[in-house]
Amino acid sequence: MTAGGGIRMPDVLRHVISSLVQDGQLELVPDASTDRLVQEILAEIGGAGAFAQAGATIGRALVASPLVVELYADDKDIVDILNHMYG
């Protein structure tokens, strides 16, 4: 699965997760595997379609994951990270 410009969605998700953790907007369980979390989000996204809805979809997947203690970011924060990657 790729996003615009041939960027791979797993790489995008790793960046989003890393940014949220670094900004204190995402708290993971101890020893959480980022790769496992990326796979969970990819499974949740499935055929979600429009990248514009990715913020909400990624947010829902993070909240649903047993690897996540708390998500403090909202959909707009996630979209801002995605826009920063492409801006």
Protein backbone atom coordinates (compact mmCIF):
# COMPACT_ATOMS: atom_id res chain seq x y z
CA MET A 1 0.00 0.00 0.00
CA THR A 2 1.46 3.32 -1.02
CA ALA A 3 0.49 6.92 -0.49
CA GLY A 4 1.04 9.62 -3.09
CA GLY A 5 4.46 9.81 -4.68
CA GLY A 6 5.29 6.16 -4.01
CA ILE A 7 5.71 6.61 -0.26
CA ARG A 8 4.88 3.36 1.47
CA MET A 9 2.03 3.50 3.97
CA PRO A 10 3.98 1.55 6.64
CA ASP A 11 6.67 4.25 6.50
CA VAL A 12 4.01 6.97 6.82
CA LEU A 13 2.50 5.22 9.84
CA ARG A 14 5.90 4.74 11.51
CA HIS A 15 6.49 8.48 11.10
CA VAL A 16 3.06 9.36 12.53
CA ILE A 17 3.55 7.04 15.52
CA SER A 18 7.07 8.33 16.16
CA SER A 19 5.93 11.96 15.93
CA LEU A 20 3.00 11.40 18.29
CA VAL A 21 5.19 9.61 20.85
CA GLN A 22 7.91 12.28 20.67
CA ASP A 23 5.32 15.06 21.11
CA GLY A 24 3.79 13.30 24.12
CA GLN A 25 0.52 12.77 22.28
CA LEU A 26 0.68 8.97 22.24
CA GLU A 27 1.57 6.69 25.11
CA LEU A 28 2.37 3.06 24.33
CA VAL A 29 2.52 0.07 26.64
CA PRO A 30 6.05 -0.82 27.78
CA ASP A 31 7.97 -2.74 25.11
CA ALA A 32 5.30 -2.05 22.46
CA SER A 33 6.39 -3.02 18.96
CA THR A 34 6.00 -0.18 16.49
CA ASP A 35 6.00 -2.69 13.63
CA ARG A 36 3.14 -4.63 15.24
CA LEU A 37 1.21 -1.39 15.78
CA VAL A 38 1.77 -0.44 12.13
CA GLN A 39 0.37 -3.82 11.06
CA GLU A 40 -2.68 -3.34 13.30
CA ILE A 41 -3.34 0.08 11.79
CA LEU A 42 -2.90 -1.24 8.24
CA ALA A 43 -5.44 -3.97 8.99
CA GLU A 44 -7.86 -1.34 10.36
CA ILE A 45 -7.35 0.99 7.39
CA GLY A 46 -7.90 -1.82 4.92
CA GLY A 47 -9.82 -0.23 2.10
CA ALA A 48 -10.53 3.02 3.92
CA GLY A 49 -9.82 4.82 0.68
CA ALA A 50 -9.34 8.58 0.78
CA PHE A 51 -6.14 9.72 2.42
CA ALA A 52 -8.07 12.76 3.66
CA GLN A 53 -9.85 10.50 6.15
CA ALA A 54 -6.60 8.93 7.31
CA GLY A 55 -6.43 11.05 10.47
CA ALA A 56 -9.69 9.64 11.82
CA THR A 57 -8.91 6.11 10.67
CA ILE A 58 -5.41 6.10 12.16
CA GLY A 59 -6.77 7.62 15.37
CA ARG A 60 -9.44 4.91 15.70
CA ALA A 61 -6.88 2.19 15.06
CA LEU A 62 -4.51 3.60 17.67
CA VAL A 63 -7.27 3.83 20.29
CA ALA A 64 -8.36 0.25 19.54
CA SER A 65 -4.84 -1.18 19.87
CA PRO A 66 -3.85 -3.00 23.06
CA LEU A 67 -0.37 -1.55 22.48
CA VAL A 68 -1.64 1.97 23.16
CA VAL A 69 -2.13 3.28 26.69
CA GLU A 70 -3.57 6.64 25.64
CA LEU A 71 -3.89 8.81 22.54
CA TYR A 72 -3.88 12.51 23.39
CA ALA A 73 -3.84 13.73 19.77
CA ASP A 74 -7.00 14.38 17.83
CA ASP A 75 -7.67 13.71 14.14
CA LYS A 76 -6.41 17.17 13.17
CA ASP A 77 -3.07 16.55 14.94
CA ILE A 78 -2.61 13.36 12.93
CA VAL A 79 -3.58 15.08 9.67
CA ASP A 80 -1.12 17.89 10.48
CA ILE A 81 1.68 15.32 10.79
CA LEU A 82 0.67 13.81 7.44
CA ASN A 83 0.49 17.24 5.80
CA HIS A 84 3.92 18.14 7.19
CA MET A 85 5.33 15.03 5.49
CA TYR A 86 3.99 16.16 2.11
CA GLY A 87 4.19 19.95 2.53
